Amino acid sequence: QPANSGLEIVWITDSLPDSGAGFESRSSMSITESDARQMIRTLQQLVE
């Protein structure tokens, strides 16, 4: 998600409708534009 000075990375774990469990856990971390560019470079290296 876009954030004021970069991006917010959000991780959500939840139960599927058929499970009957009914839970949700949500965590997030904001990163700067510079961190986002470094993440892109890192992902590219890992893929290659």
ModelCIF file with pLDDT and N, C-alpha, C, O atoms, coordinates in Angstrom:
data_MODEL
#
_entry.id   MODEL 
#
_entity.id                         1 
_entity.type                       polymer 
_entity.pdbx_number_of_molecules   1 
#
_entity_poly.entity_id                      1 
_entity_poly.type                           'polypeptide(L)' 
_entity_poly.nstd_linkage                   no 
_entity_poly.nstd_monomer                   no 
_entity_poly.pdbx_seq_one_letter_code       QPANSGLEIVWITDSLPDSGAGFESRSSMSITESDARQMIRTLQQLVE 
_entity_poly.pdbx_seq_one_letter_code_can   QPANSGLEIVWITDSLPDSGAGFESRSSMSITESDARQMIRTLQQLVE 
_entity_poly.pdbx_strand_id                 A 
#
loop_
_entity_poly_seq.entity_id 
_entity_poly_seq.num 
_entity_poly_seq.mon_id 
_entity_poly_seq.hetero 
1 1  GLN n 
1 2  PRO n 
1 3  ALA n 
1 4  ASN n 
1 5  SER n 
1 6  GLY n 
1 7  LEU n 
1 8  GLU n 
1 9  ILE n 
1 10 VAL n 
1 11 TRP n 
1 12 ILE n 
1 13 THR n 
1 14 ASP n 
1 15 SER n 
1 16 LEU n 
1 17 PRO n 
1 18 ASP n 
1 19 SER n 
1 20 GLY n 
1 21 ALA n 
1 22 GLY n 
1 23 PHE n 
1 24 GLU n 
1 25 SER n 
1 26 ARG n 
1 27 SER n 
1 28 SER n 
1 29 MET n 
1 30 SER n 
1 31 ILE n 
1 32 THR n 
1 33 GLU n 
1 34 SER n 
1 35 ASP n 
1 36 ALA n 
1 37 ARG n 
1 38 GLN n 
1 39 MET n 
1 40 ILE n 
1 41 ARG n 
1 42 THR n 
1 43 LEU n 
1 44 GLN n 
1 45 GLN n 
1 46 LEU n 
1 47 VAL n 
1 48 GLU n 
#
_struct_asym.id          A 
_struct_asym.entity_id   1 
#
loop_
_ma_qa_metric.id 
_ma_qa_metric.mode 
_ma_qa_metric.name 
_ma_qa_metric.software_group_id 
_ma_qa_metric.type 
1 global pLDDT . pLDDT 
2 local  pLDDT . pLDDT 
#
_ma_qa_metric_global.metric_id      1 
_ma_qa_metric_global.metric_value   90.17 
_ma_qa_metric_global.model_id       1 
_ma_qa_metric_global.ordinal_id     1 
#
loop_
_ma_qa_metric_local.label_asym_id 
_ma_qa_metric_local.label_comp_id 
_ma_qa_metric_local.label_seq_id 
_ma_qa_metric_local.metric_id 
_ma_qa_metric_local.metric_value 
_ma_qa_metric_local.model_id 
_ma_qa_metric_local.ordinal_id 
A GLN 1  2 87.00 1 1  
A PRO 2  2 86.00 1 2  
A ALA 3  2 85.00 1 3  
A ASN 4  2 85.00 1 4  
A SER 5  2 85.00 1 5  
A GLY 6  2 88.00 1 6  
A LEU 7  2 92.00 1 7  
A GLU 8  2 92.00 1 8  
A ILE 9  2 94.00 1 9  
A VAL 10 2 94.00 1 10 
A TRP 11 2 95.00 1 11 
A ILE 12 2 94.00 1 12 
A THR 13 2 94.00 1 13 
A ASP 14 2 92.00 1 14 
A SER 15 2 89.00 1 15 
A LEU 16 2 85.00 1 16 
A PRO 17 2 78.00 1 17 
A ASP 18 2 76.00 1 18 
A SER 19 2 74.00 1 19 
A GLY 20 2 76.00 1 20 
A ALA 21 2 76.00 1 21 
A GLY 22 2 83.00 1 22 
A PHE 23 2 88.00 1 23 
A GLU 24 2 90.00 1 24 
A SER 25 2 95.00 1 25 
A ARG 26 2 95.00 1 26 
A SER 27 2 96.00 1 27 
A SER 28 2 95.00 1 28 
A MET 29 2 95.00 1 29 
A SER 30 2 94.00 1 30 
A ILE 31 2 94.00 1 31 
A THR 32 2 95.00 1 32 
A GLU 33 2 92.00 1 33 
A SER 34 2 94.00 1 34 
A ASP 35 2 94.00 1 35 
A ALA 36 2 92.00 1 36 
A ARG 37 2 93.00 1 37 
A GLN 38 2 95.00 1 38 
A MET 39 2 92.00 1 39 
A ILE 40 2 93.00 1 40 
A ARG 41 2 95.00 1 41 
A THR 42 2 95.00 1 42 
A LEU 43 2 92.00 1 43 
A GLN 44 2 94.00 1 44 
A GLN 45 2 95.00 1 45 
A LEU 46 2 94.00 1 46 
A VAL 47 2 89.00 1 47 
A GLU 48 2 92.00 1 48 
#
loop_
_atom_site.group_PDB 
_atom_site.id 
_atom_site.type_symbol 
_atom_site.label_atom_id 
_atom_site.label_alt_id 
_atom_site.label_comp_id 
_atom_site.label_asym_id 
_atom_site.label_entity_id 
_atom_site.label_seq_id 
_atom_site.pdbx_PDB_ins_code 
_atom_site.Cartn_x 
_atom_site.Cartn_y 
_atom_site.Cartn_z 
_atom_site.occupancy 
_atom_site.B_iso_or_equiv 
_atom_site.pdbx_formal_charge 
_atom_site.auth_seq_id 
_atom_site.auth_comp_id 
_atom_site.auth_asym_id 
_atom_site.auth_atom_id 
_atom_site.pdbx_PDB_model_num 
ATOM 1   N N  . GLN A 1 1  ? 0.846   -1.190  0.000   1.00 87.00 ? 1  GLN A N  1 
ATOM 2   C CA . GLN A 1 1  ? 0.000   0.000   0.000   1.00 87.00 ? 1  GLN A CA 1 
ATOM 3   C C  . GLN A 1 1  ? 0.884   1.243   0.000   1.00 87.00 ? 1  GLN A C  1 
ATOM 4   O O  . GLN A 1 1  ? 1.930   1.257   0.649   1.00 87.00 ? 1  GLN A O  1 
ATOM 5   N N  . PRO A 1 2  ? 0.474   2.292   -0.725  1.00 86.00 ? 2  PRO A N  1 
ATOM 6   C CA . PRO A 1 2  ? 1.241   3.541   -0.653  1.00 86.00 ? 2  PRO A CA 1 
ATOM 7   C C  . PRO A 1 2  ? 1.155   4.126   0.753   1.00 86.00 ? 2  PRO A C  1 
ATOM 8   O O  . PRO A 1 2  ? 0.128   4.022   1.423   1.00 86.00 ? 2  PRO A O  1 
ATOM 9   N N  . ALA A 1 3  ? 2.248   4.740   1.185   1.00 85.00 ? 3  ALA A N  1 
ATOM 10  C CA . ALA A 1 3  ? 2.293   5.417   2.474   1.00 85.00 ? 3  ALA A CA 1 
ATOM 11  C C  . ALA A 1 3  ? 2.878   6.809   2.247   1.00 85.00 ? 3  ALA A C  1 
ATOM 12  O O  . ALA A 1 3  ? 3.340   7.114   1.148   1.00 85.00 ? 3  ALA A O  1 
ATOM 13  N N  . ASN A 1 4  ? 2.861   7.642   3.261   1.00 85.00 ? 4  ASN A N  1 
ATOM 14  C CA . ASN A 1 4  ? 3.315   9.028   3.125   1.00 85.00 ? 4  ASN A CA 1 
ATOM 15  C C  . ASN A 1 4  ? 4.703   9.155   2.503   1.00 85.00 ? 4  ASN A C  1 
ATOM 16  O O  . ASN A 1 4  ? 4.887   9.948   1.580   1.00 85.00 ? 4  ASN A O  1 
ATOM 17  N N  . SER A 1 5  ? 5.672   8.402   2.982   1.00 85.00 ? 5  SER A N  1 
ATOM 18  C CA . SER A 1 5  ? 7.040   8.556   2.484   1.00 85.00 ? 5  SER A CA 1 
ATOM 19  C C  . SER A 1 5  ? 7.589   7.257   1.903   1.00 85.00 ? 5  SER A C  1 
ATOM 20  O O  . SER A 1 5  ? 8.802   7.044   1.908   1.00 85.00 ? 5  SER A O  1 
ATOM 21  N N  . GLY A 1 6  ? 6.715   6.389   1.403   1.00 88.00 ? 6  GLY A N  1 
ATOM 22  C CA . GLY A 1 6  ? 7.181   5.126   0.839   1.00 88.00 ? 6  GLY A CA 1 
ATOM 23  C C  . GLY A 1 6  ? 6.043   4.143   0.658   1.00 88.00 ? 6  GLY A C  1 
ATOM 24  O O  . GLY A 1 6  ? 5.040   4.435   0.007   1.00 88.00 ? 6  GLY A O  1 
ATOM 25  N N  . LEU A 1 7  ? 6.217   2.974   1.246   1.00 92.00 ? 7  LEU A N  1 
ATOM 26  C CA . LEU A 1 7  ? 5.233   1.907   1.137   1.00 92.00 ? 7  LEU A CA 1 
ATOM 27  C C  . LEU A 1 7  ? 4.937   1.306   2.502   1.00 92.00 ? 7  LEU A C  1 
ATOM 28  O O  . LEU A 1 7  ? 5.758   1.357   3.417   1.00 92.00 ? 7  LEU A O  1 
ATOM 29  N N  . GLU A 1 8  ? 3.761   0.742   2.612   1.00 92.00 ? 8  GLU A N  1 
ATOM 30  C CA . GLU A 1 8  ? 3.428   -0.081  3.775   1.00 92.00 ? 8  GLU A CA 1 
ATOM 31  C C  . GLU A 1 8  ? 3.257   -1.500  3.272   1.00 92.00 ? 8  GLU A C  1 
ATOM 32  O O  . GLU A 1 8  ? 2.510   -1.759  2.329   1.00 92.00 ? 8  GLU A O  1 
ATOM 33  N N  . ILE A 1 9  ? 3.961   -2.413  3.919   1.00 94.00 ? 9  ILE A N  1 
ATOM 34  C CA . ILE A 1 9  ? 3.859   -3.832  3.593   1.00 94.00 ? 9  ILE A CA 1 
ATOM 35  C C  . ILE A 1 9  ? 2.963   -4.450  4.656   1.00 94.00 ? 9  ILE A C  1 
ATOM 36  O O  . ILE A 1 9  ? 3.231   -4.329  5.852   1.00 94.00 ? 9  ILE A O  1 
ATOM 37  N N  . VAL A 1 10 ? 1.903   -5.110  4.219   1.00 94.00 ? 10 VAL A N  1 
ATOM 38  C CA . VAL A 1 10 ? 0.909   -5.662  5.145   1.00 94.00 ? 10 VAL A CA 1 
ATOM 39  C C  . VAL A 1 10 ? 0.842   -7.173  4.955   1.00 94.00 ? 10 VAL A C  1 
ATOM 40  O O  . VAL A 1 10 ? 0.764   -7.660  3.827   1.00 94.00 ? 10 VAL A O  1 
ATOM 41  N N  . TRP A 1 11 ? 0.874   -7.912  6.062   1.00 95.00 ? 11 TRP A N  1 
ATOM 42  C CA . TRP A 1 11 ? 0.752   -9.375  6.045   1.00 95.00 ? 11 TRP A CA 1 
ATOM 43  C C  . TRP A 1 11 ? -0.485  -9.730  6.865   1.00 95.00 ? 11 TRP A C  1 
ATOM 44  O O  . TRP A 1 11 ? -0.588  -9.371  8.038   1.00 95.00 ? 11 TRP A O  1 
ATOM 45  N N  . ILE A 1 12 ? -1.420  -10.438 6.236   1.00 94.00 ? 12 ILE A N  1 
ATOM 46  C CA . ILE A 1 12 ? -2.661  -10.826 6.906   1.00 94.00 ? 12 ILE A CA 1 
ATOM 47  C C  . ILE A 1 12 ? -2.785  -12.347 6.851   1.00 94.00 ? 12 ILE A C  1 
ATOM 48  O O  . ILE A 1 12 ? -2.613  -12.949 5.791   1.00 94.00 ? 12 ILE A O  1 
ATOM 49  N N  . THR A 1 13 ? -3.077  -12.951 7.965   1.00 94.00 ? 13 THR A N  1 
ATOM 50  C CA . THR A 1 13 ? -3.402  -14.373 8.016   1.00 94.00 ? 13 THR A CA 1 
ATOM 51  C C  . THR A 1 13 ? -4.811  -14.479 8.585   1.00 94.00 ? 13 THR A C  1 
ATOM 52  O O  . THR A 1 13 ? -5.111  -13.956 9.659   1.00 94.00 ? 13 THR A O  1 
ATOM 53  N N  . ASP A 1 14 ? -5.660  -15.166 7.843   1.00 92.00 ? 14 ASP A N  1 
ATOM 54  C CA . ASP A 1 14 ? -7.034  -15.329 8.330   1.00 92.00 ? 14 ASP A CA 1 
ATOM 55  C C  . ASP A 1 14 ? -7.570  -16.688 7.948   1.00 92.00 ? 14 ASP A C  1 
ATOM 56  O O  . ASP A 1 14 ? -6.993  -17.400 7.126   1.00 92.00 ? 14 ASP A O  1 
ATOM 57  N N  . SER A 1 15 ? -8.679  -17.030 8.558   1.00 89.00 ? 15 SER A N  1 
ATOM 58  C CA . SER A 1 15 ? -9.320  -18.314 8.287   1.00 89.00 ? 15 SER A CA 1 
ATOM 59  C C  . SER A 1 15 ? -10.221 -18.178 7.067   1.00 89.00 ? 15 SER A C  1 
ATOM 60  O O  . SER A 1 15 ? -10.833 -17.133 6.844   1.00 89.00 ? 15 SER A O  1 
ATOM 61  N N  . LEU A 1 16 ? -10.293 -19.242 6.285   1.00 85.00 ? 16 LEU A N  1 
ATOM 62  C CA . LEU A 1 16 ? -11.198 -19.272 5.140   1.00 85.00 ? 16 LEU A CA 1 
ATOM 63  C C  . LEU A 1 16 ? -12.632 -19.460 5.631   1.00 85.00 ? 16 LEU A C  1 
ATOM 64  O O  . LEU A 1 16 ? -12.852 -20.002 6.714   1.00 85.00 ? 16 LEU A O  1 
ATOM 65  N N  . PRO A 1 17 ? -13.598 -19.017 4.845   1.00 78.00 ? 17 PRO A N  1 
ATOM 66  C CA . PRO A 1 17 ? -14.994 -19.070 5.293   1.00 78.00 ? 17 PRO A CA 1 
ATOM 67  C C  . PRO A 1 17 ? -15.466 -20.453 5.746   1.00 78.00 ? 17 PRO A C  1 
ATOM 68  O O  . PRO A 1 17 ? -16.249 -20.548 6.692   1.00 78.00 ? 17 PRO A O  1 
ATOM 69  N N  . ASP A 1 18 ? -15.010 -21.523 5.097   1.00 76.00 ? 18 ASP A N  1 
ATOM 70  C CA . ASP A 1 18 ? -15.480 -22.869 5.436   1.00 76.00 ? 18 ASP A CA 1 
ATOM 71  C C  . ASP A 1 18 ? -14.833 -23.459 6.685   1.00 76.00 ? 18 ASP A C  1 
ATOM 72  O O  . ASP A 1 18 ? -15.214 -24.545 7.121   1.00 76.00 ? 18 ASP A O  1 
ATOM 73  N N  . SER A 1 19 ? -13.863 -22.760 7.263   1.00 74.00 ? 19 SER A N  1 
ATOM 74  C CA . SER A 1 19 ? -13.114 -23.331 8.386   1.00 74.00 ? 19 SER A CA 1 
ATOM 75  C C  . SER A 1 19 ? -13.882 -23.306 9.696   1.00 74.00 ? 19 SER A C  1 
ATOM 76  O O  . SER A 1 19 ? -13.680 -24.170 10.549  1.00 74.00 ? 19 SER A O  1 
ATOM 77  N N  . GLY A 1 20 ? -14.756 -22.332 9.865   1.00 76.00 ? 20 GLY A N  1 
ATOM 78  C CA . GLY A 1 20 ? -15.474 -22.185 11.118  1.00 76.00 ? 20 GLY A CA 1 
ATOM 79  C C  . GLY A 1 20 ? -14.629 -21.588 12.230  1.00 76.00 ? 20 GLY A C  1 
ATOM 80  O O  . GLY A 1 20 ? -15.123 -21.393 13.340  1.00 76.00 ? 20 GLY A O  1 
ATOM 81  N N  . ALA A 1 21 ? -13.351 -21.291 11.950  1.00 76.00 ? 21 ALA A N  1 
ATOM 82  C CA . ALA A 1 21 ? -12.446 -20.788 12.989  1.00 76.00 ? 21 ALA A CA 1 
ATOM 83  C C  . ALA A 1 21 ? -12.650 -19.298 13.265  1.00 76.00 ? 21 ALA A C  1 
ATOM 84  O O  . ALA A 1 21 ? -12.640 -18.887 14.426  1.00 76.00 ? 21 ALA A O  1 
ATOM 85  N N  . GLY A 1 22 ? -12.831 -18.497 12.245  1.00 83.00 ? 22 GLY A N  1 
ATOM 86  C CA . GLY A 1 22 ? -13.112 -17.072 12.414  1.00 83.00 ? 22 GLY A CA 1 
ATOM 87  C C  . GLY A 1 22 ? -12.009 -16.268 13.063  1.00 83.00 ? 22 GLY A C  1 
ATOM 88  O O  . GLY A 1 22 ? -12.258 -15.605 14.070  1.00 83.00 ? 22 GLY A O  1 
ATOM 89  N N  . PHE A 1 23 ? -10.789 -16.299 12.524  1.00 88.00 ? 23 PHE A N  1 
ATOM 90  C CA . PHE A 1 23 ? -9.727  -15.484 13.098  1.00 88.00 ? 23 PHE A CA 1 
ATOM 91  C C  . PHE A 1 23 ? -9.043  -14.655 12.014  1.00 88.00 ? 23 PHE A C  1 
ATOM 92  O O  . PHE A 1 23 ? -9.117  -14.982 10.830  1.00 88.00 ? 23 PHE A O  1 
ATOM 93  N N  . GLU A 1 24 ? -8.375  -13.576 12.432  1.00 90.00 ? 24 GLU A N  1 
ATOM 94  C CA . GLU A 1 24 ? -7.570  -12.751 11.538  1.00 90.00 ? 24 GLU A CA 1 
ATOM 95  C C  . GLU A 1 24 ? -6.426  -12.154 12.332  1.00 90.00 ? 24 GLU A C  1 
ATOM 96  O O  . GLU A 1 24 ? -6.622  -11.651 13.439  1.00 90.00 ? 24 GLU A O  1 
ATOM 97  N N  . SER A 1 25 ? -5.227  -12.212 11.763  1.00 95.00 ? 25 SER A N  1 
ATOM 98  C CA . SER A 1 25 ? -4.043  -11.589 12.333  1.00 95.00 ? 25 SER A CA 1 
ATOM 99  C C  . SER A 1 25 ? -3.473  -10.663 11.265  1.00 95.00 ? 25 SER A C  1 
ATOM 100 O O  . SER A 1 25 ? -3.338  -11.054 10.106  1.00 95.00 ? 25 SER A O  1 
ATOM 101 N N  . ARG A 1 26 ? -3.141  -9.442  11.654  1.00 95.00 ? 26 ARG A N  1 
ATOM 102 C CA . ARG A 1 26 ? -2.659  -8.441  10.699  1.00 95.00 ? 26 ARG A CA 1 
ATOM 103 C C  . ARG A 1 26 ? -1.403  -7.766  11.256  1.00 95.00 ? 26 ARG A C  1 
ATOM 104 O O  . ARG A 1 26 ? -1.388  -7.293  12.392  1.00 95.00 ? 26 ARG A O  1 
ATOM 105 N N  . SER A 1 27 ? -0.348  -7.732  10.429  1.00 96.00 ? 27 SER A N  1 
ATOM 106 C CA . SER A 1 27 ? 0.897   -7.046  10.781  1.00 96.00 ? 27 SER A CA 1 
ATOM 107 C C  . SER A 1 27 ? 1.286   -6.162  9.621   1.00 96.00 ? 27 SER A C  1 
ATOM 108 O O  . SER A 1 27 ? 0.971   -6.462  8.469   1.00 96.00 ? 27 SER A O  1 
ATOM 109 N N  . SER A 1 28 ? 1.980   -5.058  9.923   1.00 95.00 ? 28 SER A N  1 
ATOM 110 C CA . SER A 1 28 ? 2.421   -4.185  8.838   1.00 95.00 ? 28 SER A CA 1 
ATOM 111 C C  . SER A 1 28 ? 3.754   -3.551  9.187   1.00 95.00 ? 28 SER A C  1 
ATOM 112 O O  . SER A 1 28 ? 4.150   -3.476  10.350  1.00 95.00 ? 28 SER A O  1 
ATOM 113 N N  . MET A 1 29 ? 4.440   -3.094  8.135   1.00 95.00 ? 29 MET A N  1 
ATOM 114 C CA . MET A 1 29 ? 5.719   -2.438  8.292   1.00 95.00 ? 29 MET A CA 1 
ATOM 115 C C  . MET A 1 29 ? 5.825   -1.378  7.209   1.00 95.00 ? 29 MET A C  1 
ATOM 116 O O  . MET A 1 29 ? 5.605   -1.664  6.032   1.00 95.00 ? 29 MET A O  1 
ATOM 117 N N  . SER A 1 30 ? 6.160   -0.163  7.598   1.00 94.00 ? 30 SER A N  1 
ATOM 118 C CA . SER A 1 30 ? 6.360   0.912   6.624   1.00 94.00 ? 30 SER A CA 1 
ATOM 119 C C  . SER A 1 30 ? 7.824   0.939   6.220   1.00 94.00 ? 30 SER A C  1 
ATOM 120 O O  . SER A 1 30 ? 8.713   0.774   7.056   1.00 94.00 ? 30 SER A O  1 
ATOM 121 N N  . ILE A 1 31 ? 8.069   1.151   4.926   1.00 94.00 ? 31 ILE A N  1 
ATOM 122 C CA . ILE A 1 31 ? 9.429   1.288   4.430   1.00 94.00 ? 31 ILE A CA 1 
ATOM 123 C C  . ILE A 1 31 ? 9.525   2.563   3.589   1.00 94.00 ? 31 ILE A C  1 
ATOM 124 O O  . ILE A 1 31 ? 8.535   3.023   3.020   1.00 94.00 ? 31 ILE A O  1 
ATOM 125 N N  . THR A 1 32 ? 10.719  3.117   3.521   1.00 95.00 ? 32 THR A N  1 
ATOM 126 C CA . THR A 1 32 ? 10.933  4.338   2.749   1.00 95.00 ? 32 THR A CA 1 
ATOM 127 C C  . THR A 1 32 ? 11.012  4.005   1.258   1.00 95.00 ? 32 THR A C  1 
ATOM 128 O O  . THR A 1 32 ? 11.109  2.839   0.876   1.00 95.00 ? 32 THR A O  1 
ATOM 129 N N  . GLU A 1 33 ? 10.969  5.048   0.421   1.00 92.00 ? 33 GLU A N  1 
ATOM 130 C CA . GLU A 1 33 ? 11.130  4.844   -1.015  1.00 92.00 ? 33 GLU A CA 1 
ATOM 131 C C  . GLU A 1 33 ? 12.493  4.228   -1.314  1.00 92.00 ? 33 GLU A C  1 
ATOM 132 O O  . GLU A 1 33 ? 12.604  3.376   -2.196  1.00 92.00 ? 33 GLU A O  1 
ATOM 133 N N  . SER A 1 34 ? 13.518  4.641   -0.600  1.00 94.00 ? 34 SER A N  1 
ATOM 134 C CA . SER A 1 34 ? 14.857  4.078   -0.781  1.00 94.00 ? 34 SER A CA 1 
ATOM 135 C C  . SER A 1 34 ? 14.866  2.585   -0.443  1.00 94.00 ? 34 SER A C  1 
ATOM 136 O O  . SER A 1 34 ? 15.451  1.784   -1.173  1.00 94.00 ? 34 SER A O  1 
ATOM 137 N N  . ASP A 1 35 ? 14.217  2.214   0.666   1.00 94.00 ? 35 ASP A N  1 
ATOM 138 C CA . ASP A 1 35 ? 14.110  0.800   1.035   1.00 94.00 ? 35 ASP A CA 1 
ATOM 139 C C  . ASP A 1 35 ? 13.344  0.013   -0.028  1.00 94.00 ? 35 ASP A C  1 
ATOM 140 O O  . ASP A 1 35 ? 13.698  -1.125  -0.336  1.00 94.00 ? 35 ASP A O  1 
ATOM 141 N N  . ALA A 1 36 ? 12.296  0.617   -0.586  1.00 92.00 ? 36 ALA A N  1 
ATOM 142 C CA . ALA A 1 36 ? 11.510  -0.049  -1.626  1.00 92.00 ? 36 ALA A CA 1 
ATOM 143 C C  . ALA A 1 36 ? 12.368  -0.316  -2.858  1.00 92.00 ? 36 ALA A C  1 
ATOM 144 O O  . ALA A 1 36 ? 12.291  -1.392  -3.451  1.00 92.00 ? 36 ALA A O  1 
ATOM 145 N N  . ARG A 1 37 ? 13.195  0.675   -3.247  1.00 93.00 ? 37 ARG A N  1 
ATOM 146 C CA . ARG A 1 37 ? 14.082  0.477   -4.395  1.00 93.00 ? 37 ARG A CA 1 
ATOM 147 C C  . ARG A 1 37 ? 15.098  -0.631  -4.105  1.00 93.00 ? 37 ARG A C  1 
ATOM 148 O O  . ARG A 1 37 ? 15.418  -1.426  -4.990  1.00 93.00 ? 37 ARG A O  1 
ATOM 149 N N  . GLN A 1 38 ? 15.606  -0.685  -2.869  1.00 95.00 ? 38 GLN A N  1 
ATOM 150 C CA . GLN A 1 38 ? 16.536  -1.758  -2.498  1.00 95.00 ? 38 GLN A CA 1 
ATOM 151 C C  . GLN A 1 38 ? 15.828  -3.106  -2.528  1.00 95.00 ? 38 GLN A C  1 
ATOM 152 O O  . GLN A 1 38 ? 16.417  -4.104  -2.943  1.00 95.00 ? 38 GLN A O  1 
ATOM 153 N N  . MET A 1 39 ? 14.589  -3.147  -2.099  1.00 92.00 ? 39 MET A N  1 
ATOM 154 C CA . MET A 1 39 ? 13.822  -4.389  -2.134  1.00 92.00 ? 39 MET A CA 1 
ATOM 155 C C  . MET A 1 39 ? 13.649  -4.874  -3.578  1.00 92.00 ? 39 MET A C  1 
ATOM 156 O O  . MET A 1 39 ? 13.767  -6.068  -3.853  1.00 92.00 ? 39 MET A O  1 
ATOM 157 N N  . ILE A 1 40 ? 13.369  -3.945  -4.492  1.00 93.00 ? 40 ILE A N  1 
ATOM 158 C CA . ILE A 1 40 ? 13.223  -4.304  -5.907  1.00 93.00 ? 40 ILE A CA 1 
ATOM 159 C C  . ILE A 1 40 ? 14.524  -4.898  -6.433  1.00 93.00 ? 40 ILE A C  1 
ATOM 160 O O  . ILE A 1 40 ? 14.507  -5.931  -7.102  1.00 93.00 ? 40 ILE A O  1 
ATOM 161 N N  . ARG A 1 41 ? 15.657  -4.249  -6.136  1.00 95.00 ? 41 ARG A N  1 
ATOM 162 C CA . ARG A 1 41 ? 16.949  -4.774  -6.569  1.00 95.00 ? 41 ARG A CA 1 
ATOM 163 C C  . ARG A 1 41 ? 17.215  -6.158  -5.991  1.00 95.00 ? 41 ARG A C  1 
ATOM 164 O O  . ARG A 1 41 ? 17.697  -7.047  -6.693  1.00 95.00 ? 41 ARG A O  1 
ATOM 165 N N  . THR A 1 42 ? 16.903  -6.337  -4.723  1.00 95.00 ? 42 THR A N  1 
ATOM 166 C CA . THR A 1 42 ? 17.113  -7.634  -4.075  1.00 95.00 ? 42 THR A CA 1 
ATOM 167 C C  . THR A 1 42 ? 16.250  -8.717  -4.703  1.00 95.00 ? 42 THR A C  1 
ATOM 168 O O  . THR A 1 42 ? 16.730  -9.817  -4.975  1.00 95.00 ? 42 THR A O  1 
ATOM 169 N N  . LEU A 1 43 ? 14.973  -8.407  -4.933  1.00 92.00 ? 43 LEU A N  1 
ATOM 170 C CA . LEU A 1 43 ? 14.089  -9.380  -5.574  1.00 92.00 ? 43 LEU A CA 1 
ATOM 171 C C  . LEU A 1 43 ? 14.591  -9.751  -6.965  1.00 92.00 ? 43 LEU A C  1 
ATOM 172 O O  . LEU A 1 43 ? 14.559  -10.920 -7.350  1.00 92.00 ? 43 LEU A O  1 
ATOM 173 N N  . GLN A 1 44 ? 15.055  -8.753  -7.718  1.00 94.00 ? 44 GLN A N  1 
ATOM 174 C CA . GLN A 1 44 ? 15.577  -9.020  -9.061  1.00 94.00 ? 44 GLN A CA 1 
ATOM 175 C C  . GLN A 1 44 ? 16.780  -9.953  -8.993  1.00 94.00 ? 44 GLN A C  1 
ATOM 176 O O  . GLN A 1 44 ? 16.880  -10.885 -9.791  1.00 94.00 ? 44 GLN A O  1 
ATOM 177 N N  . GLN A 1 45 ? 17.696  -9.718  -8.053  1.00 95.00 ? 45 GLN A N  1 
ATOM 178 C CA . GLN A 1 45 ? 18.860  -10.584 -7.904  1.00 95.00 ? 45 GLN A CA 1 
ATOM 179 C C  . GLN A 1 45 ? 18.443  -11.998 -7.542  1.00 95.00 ? 45 GLN A C  1 
ATOM 180 O O  . GLN A 1 45 ? 18.996  -12.962 -8.072  1.00 95.00 ? 45 GLN A O  1 
ATOM 181 N N  . LEU A 1 46 ? 17.483  -12.135 -6.653  1.00 94.00 ? 46 LEU A N  1 
ATOM 182 C CA . LEU A 1 46 ? 17.024  -13.464 -6.247  1.00 94.00 ? 46 LEU A CA 1 
ATOM 183 C C  . LEU A 1 46 ? 16.365  -14.226 -7.393  1.00 94.00 ? 46 LEU A C  1 
ATOM 184 O O  . LEU A 1 46 ? 16.536  -15.438 -7.522  1.00 94.00 ? 46 LEU A O  1 
ATOM 185 N N  . VAL A 1 47 ? 15.619  -13.514 -8.213  1.00 89.00 ? 47 VAL A N  1 
ATOM 186 C CA . VAL A 1 47 ? 14.941  -14.135 -9.346  1.00 89.00 ? 47 VAL A CA 1 
ATOM 187 C C  . VAL A 1 47 ? 15.950  -14.577 -10.409 1.00 89.00 ? 47 VAL A C  1 
ATOM 188 O O  . VAL A 1 47 ? 15.783  -15.622 -11.038 1.00 89.00 ? 47 VAL A O  1 
ATOM 189 N N  . GLU A 1 48 ? 16.992  -13.774 -10.599 1.00 92.00 ? 48 GLU A N  1 
ATOM 190 C CA . GLU A 1 48 ? 17.988  -14.082 -11.623 1.00 92.00 ? 48 GLU A CA 1 
ATOM 191 C C  . GLU A 1 48 ? 18.927  -15.209 -11.227 1.00 92.00 ? 48 GLU A C  1 
ATOM 192 O O  . GLU A 1 48 ? 19.816  -15.572 -11.997 1.00 92.00 ? 48 GLU A O  1 
#
